[in-house]
Amino acid sequence: MAVKSSHVIEMQPLNTSNEPSQTMSAQNQLILEQQDQHLDSILGTVQNLRDIAFTVGNELDEHQEMLEEIDLRMDSTQDKLGNAMQKVKSILERTQNMKSSYIILILVLALSILAILLALA
């Protein structure tokens, strides 16, 4: 929301001649009325700015709540990811141990077959 802030106060110069005081009083009254109009305009602008500030404040509160919710979800997701990584690590360690066991079993079988073949020869 754009706010115009072009308030130029144009004042009529005071009459410095020797005119009757009634004319000067009328001029002063006119100047006061112009100032009142400008002040009313400024008041409207300040009220608009207050409304904008209130709206921005509400938006910031809503965004803060959303960020807090995202933070909680991120913590939960990070915990779940950590648990999953531990499970993967455990599976990899067991798989590595199983591979070693299979290799040892295959080598024992191969040596047994060689021993049998050498005994028969």
C-alpha atoms as a PDB file:
ATOM      1  CA  MET A   1       0.000   0.000   0.000  1.00  0.00           C
ATOM      2  CA  ALA A   2       1.672   3.223  -1.130  1.00  0.00           C
ATOM      3  CA  VAL A   3       1.265   6.342   0.939  1.00  0.00           C
ATOM      4  CA  LYS A   4       1.571   9.792  -0.552  1.00  0.00           C
ATOM      5  CA  SER A   5       3.561  12.124   1.579  1.00  0.00           C
ATOM      6  CA  SER A   6       3.566  15.267  -0.505  1.00  0.00           C
ATOM      7  CA  HIS A   7       2.179  17.801   1.894  1.00  0.00           C
ATOM      8  CA  VAL A   8       3.275  21.242   0.883  1.00  0.00           C
ATOM      9  CA  ILE A   9       1.970  23.977   3.075  1.00  0.00           C
ATOM     10  CA  GLU A  10       1.429  27.115   1.105  1.00  0.00           C
ATOM     11  CA  MET A  11       0.940  30.090   3.340  1.00  0.00           C
ATOM     12  CA  GLN A  12      -0.328  33.415   2.277  1.00  0.00           C
ATOM     13  CA  PRO A  13       2.071  36.200   3.248  1.00  0.00           C
ATOM     14  CA  LEU A  14       0.818  38.435   5.982  1.00  0.00           C
ATOM     15  CA  ASN A  15      -0.202  41.842   4.941  1.00  0.00           C
ATOM     16  CA  THR A  16       2.288  44.289   6.453  1.00  0.00           C
ATOM     17  CA  SER A  17       0.626  47.431   5.206  1.00  0.00           C
ATOM     18  CA  ASN A  18      -1.538  49.618   7.339  1.00  0.00           C
ATOM     19  CA  GLU A  19      -4.817  47.893   6.442  1.00  0.00           C
ATOM     20  CA  PRO A  20      -7.426  47.633   9.093  1.00  0.00           C
ATOM     21  CA  SER A  21      -6.993  44.966  11.693  1.00  0.00           C
ATOM     22  CA  GLN A  22     -10.164  43.289  10.459  1.00  0.00           C
ATOM     23  CA  THR A  23      -8.486  42.420   7.144  1.00  0.00           C
ATOM     24  CA  MET A  24      -5.435  41.061   8.984  1.00  0.00           C
ATOM     25  CA  SER A  25      -7.696  39.042  11.251  1.00  0.00           C
ATOM     26  CA  ALA A  26      -9.440  37.568   8.191  1.00  0.00           C
ATOM     27  CA  GLN A  27      -6.073  36.695   6.662  1.00  0.00           C
ATOM     28  CA  ASN A  28      -4.948  35.081   9.902  1.00  0.00           C
ATOM     29  CA  GLN A  29      -8.198  33.114  10.009  1.00  0.00           C
ATOM     30  CA  LEU A  30      -7.620  31.956   6.419  1.00  0.00           C
ATOM     31  CA  ILE A  31      -4.078  30.847   7.275  1.00  0.00           C
ATOM     32  CA  LEU A  32      -5.339  28.956  10.319  1.00  0.00           C
ATOM     33  CA  GLU A  33      -7.992  27.206   8.228  1.00  0.00           C
ATOM     34  CA  GLN A  34      -5.371  26.210   5.652  1.00  0.00           C
ATOM     35  CA  GLN A  35      -3.149  24.882   8.409  1.00  0.00           C
ATOM     36  CA  ASP A  36      -6.075  22.915   9.852  1.00  0.00           C
ATOM     37  CA  GLN A  37      -6.732  21.365   6.440  1.00  0.00           C
ATOM     38  CA  HIS A  38      -3.078  20.394   6.086  1.00  0.00           C
ATOM     39  CA  LEU A  39      -3.012  18.983   9.608  1.00  0.00           C
ATOM     40  CA  ASP A  40      -6.156  16.959   8.855  1.00  0.00           C
ATOM     41  CA  SER A  41      -4.445  15.603   5.750  1.00  0.00           C
ATOM     42  CA  ILE A  42      -1.336  14.719   7.763  1.00  0.00           C
ATOM     43  CA  LEU A  43      -3.550  13.075  10.395  1.00  0.00           C
ATOM     44  CA  GLY A  44      -5.116  10.899   7.688  1.00  0.00           C
ATOM     45  CA  THR A  45      -1.671   9.876   6.479  1.00  0.00           C
ATOM     46  CA  VAL A  46      -0.519   9.056  10.007  1.00  0.00           C
ATOM     47  CA  GLN A  47      -3.656   6.975  10.567  1.00  0.00           C
ATOM     48  CA  ASN A  48      -2.965   5.086   7.309  1.00  0.00           C
ATOM     49  CA  LEU A  49       0.597   4.455   8.451  1.00  0.00           C
ATOM     50  CA  ARG A  50      -0.690   3.207  11.806  1.00  0.00           C
ATOM     51  CA  ASP A  51      -3.045   0.796  10.024  1.00  0.00           C
ATOM     52  CA  ILE A  52      -0.219  -0.422   7.785  1.00  0.00           C
ATOM     53  CA  ALA A  53       2.065  -0.908  10.804  1.00  0.00           C
ATOM     54  CA  PHE A  54      -0.666  -2.878  12.573  1.00  0.00           C
ATOM     55  CA  THR A  55      -1.151  -5.110   9.515  1.00  0.00           C
ATOM     56  CA  VAL A  56       2.596  -5.657   9.172  1.00  0.00           C
ATOM     57  CA  GLY A  57       2.801  -6.523  12.868  1.00  0.00           C
ATOM     58  CA  ASN A  58       0.040  -9.118  12.481  1.00  0.00           C
ATOM     59  CA  GLU A  59       1.791 -10.598   9.433  1.00  0.00           C
ATOM     60  CA  LEU A  60       5.050 -10.824  11.373  1.00  0.00           C
ATOM     61  CA  ASP A  61       3.282 -12.614  14.239  1.00  0.00           C
ATOM     62  CA  GLU A  62       1.760 -15.124  11.803  1.00  0.00           C
ATOM     63  CA  HIS A  63       5.117 -15.698  10.115  1.00  0.00           C
ATOM     64  CA  GLN A  64       6.793 -16.203  13.479  1.00  0.00           C
ATOM     65  CA  GLU A  65       4.231 -18.888  14.353  1.00  0.00           C
ATOM     66  CA  MET A  66       4.807 -20.579  10.987  1.00  0.00           C
ATOM     67  CA  LEU A  67       8.579 -20.500  11.467  1.00  0.00           C
ATOM     68  CA  GLU A  68       8.263 -21.998  14.942  1.00  0.00           C
ATOM     69  CA  GLU A  69       6.117 -24.810  13.526  1.00  0.00           C
ATOM     70  CA  ILE A  70       8.645 -25.418  10.749  1.00  0.00           C
ATOM     71  CA  ASP A  71      11.430 -25.475  13.346  1.00  0.00           C
ATOM     72  CA  LEU A  72       9.584 -28.144  15.357  1.00  0.00           C
ATOM     73  CA  ARG A  73       8.996 -30.208  12.230  1.00  0.00           C
ATOM     74  CA  MET A  74      12.645 -29.859  11.244  1.00  0.00           C
ATOM     75  CA  ASP A  75      13.742 -31.097  14.677  1.00  0.00           C
ATOM     76  CA  SER A  76      11.406 -34.084  14.394  1.00  0.00           C
ATOM     77  CA  THR A  77      12.602 -34.845  10.871  1.00  0.00           C
ATOM     78  CA  GLN A  78      16.229 -34.512  11.945  1.00  0.00           C
ATOM     79  CA  ASP A  79      15.630 -36.999  14.783  1.00  0.00           C
ATOM     80  CA  LYS A  80      13.960 -39.449  12.399  1.00  0.00           C
ATOM     81  CA  LEU A  81      16.814 -39.048   9.916  1.00  0.00           C
ATOM     82  CA  GLY A  82      19.360 -39.678  12.668  1.00  0.00           C
ATOM     83  CA  ASN A  83      17.534 -42.870  13.679  1.00  0.00           C
ATOM     84  CA  ALA A  84      17.377 -44.026  10.062  1.00  0.00           C
ATOM     85  CA  MET A  85      21.104 -43.351   9.611  1.00  0.00           C
ATOM     86  CA  GLN A  86      21.872 -45.441  12.713  1.00  0.00           C
ATOM     87  CA  LYS A  87      19.795 -48.314  11.312  1.00  0.00           C
ATOM     88  CA  VAL A  88      21.579 -48.094   7.948  1.00  0.00           C
ATOM     89  CA  LYS A  89      24.954 -48.068   9.696  1.00  0.00           C
ATOM     90  CA  SER A  90      23.967 -51.126  11.743  1.00  0.00           C
ATOM     91  CA  ILE A  91      22.770 -52.966   8.623  1.00  0.00           C
ATOM     92  CA  LEU A  92      26.006 -52.124   6.790  1.00  0.00           C
ATOM     93  CA  GLU A  93      28.088 -53.414   9.701  1.00  0.00           C
ATOM     94  CA  ARG A  94      26.089 -56.656   9.823  1.00  0.00           C
ATOM     95  CA  THR A  95      26.345 -57.039   6.057  1.00  0.00           C
ATOM     96  CA  GLN A  96      30.092 -56.481   6.211  1.00  0.00           C
ATOM     97  CA  ASN A  97      30.402 -59.145   8.930  1.00  0.00           C
ATOM     98  CA  MET A  98      28.228 -61.519   6.880  1.00  0.00           C
ATOM     99  CA  LYS A  99      30.426 -60.963   3.803  1.00  0.00           C
ATOM    100  CA  SER A 100      33.507 -61.844   5.818  1.00  0.00           C
ATOM    101  CA  SER A 101      31.810 -64.984   7.133  1.00  0.00           C
ATOM    102  CA  TYR A 102      30.771 -66.048   3.628  1.00  0.00           C
ATOM    103  CA  ILE A 103      34.287 -65.500   2.287  1.00  0.00           C
ATOM    104  CA  ILE A 104      35.789 -67.541   5.123  1.00  0.00           C
ATOM    105  CA  LEU A 105      33.232 -70.323   4.503  1.00  0.00           C
ATOM    106  CA  ILE A 106      34.000 -70.362   0.763  1.00  0.00           C
ATOM    107  CA  LEU A 107      37.756 -70.476   1.443  1.00  0.00           C
ATOM    108  CA  VAL A 108      37.334 -73.339   3.937  1.00  0.00           C
ATOM    109  CA  LEU A 109      35.264 -75.262   1.369  1.00  0.00           C
ATOM    110  CA  ALA A 110      37.850 -74.585  -1.327  1.00  0.00           C
ATOM    111  CA  LEU A 111      40.675 -75.784   0.941  1.00  0.00           C
ATOM    112  CA  SER A 112      38.658 -78.877   1.857  1.00  0.00           C
ATOM    113  CA  ILE A 113      38.065 -79.687  -1.797  1.00  0.00           C
ATOM    114  CA  LEU A 114      41.780 -79.195  -2.562  1.00  0.00           C
ATOM    115  CA  ALA A 115      42.753 -81.390   0.376  1.00  0.00           C
ATOM    116  CA  ILE A 116      40.395 -84.121  -0.824  1.00  0.00           C
ATOM    117  CA  LEU A 117      41.706 -83.858  -4.374  1.00  0.00           C
ATOM    118  CA  LEU A 118      45.305 -84.035  -3.180  1.00  0.00           C
ATOM    119  CA  ALA A 119      44.501 -87.018  -0.957  1.00  0.00           C
ATOM    120  CA  LEU A 120      42.921 -88.857  -3.899  1.00  0.00           C
ATOM    121  CA  ALA A 121      45.782 -88.185  -6.247  1.00  0.00           C
END
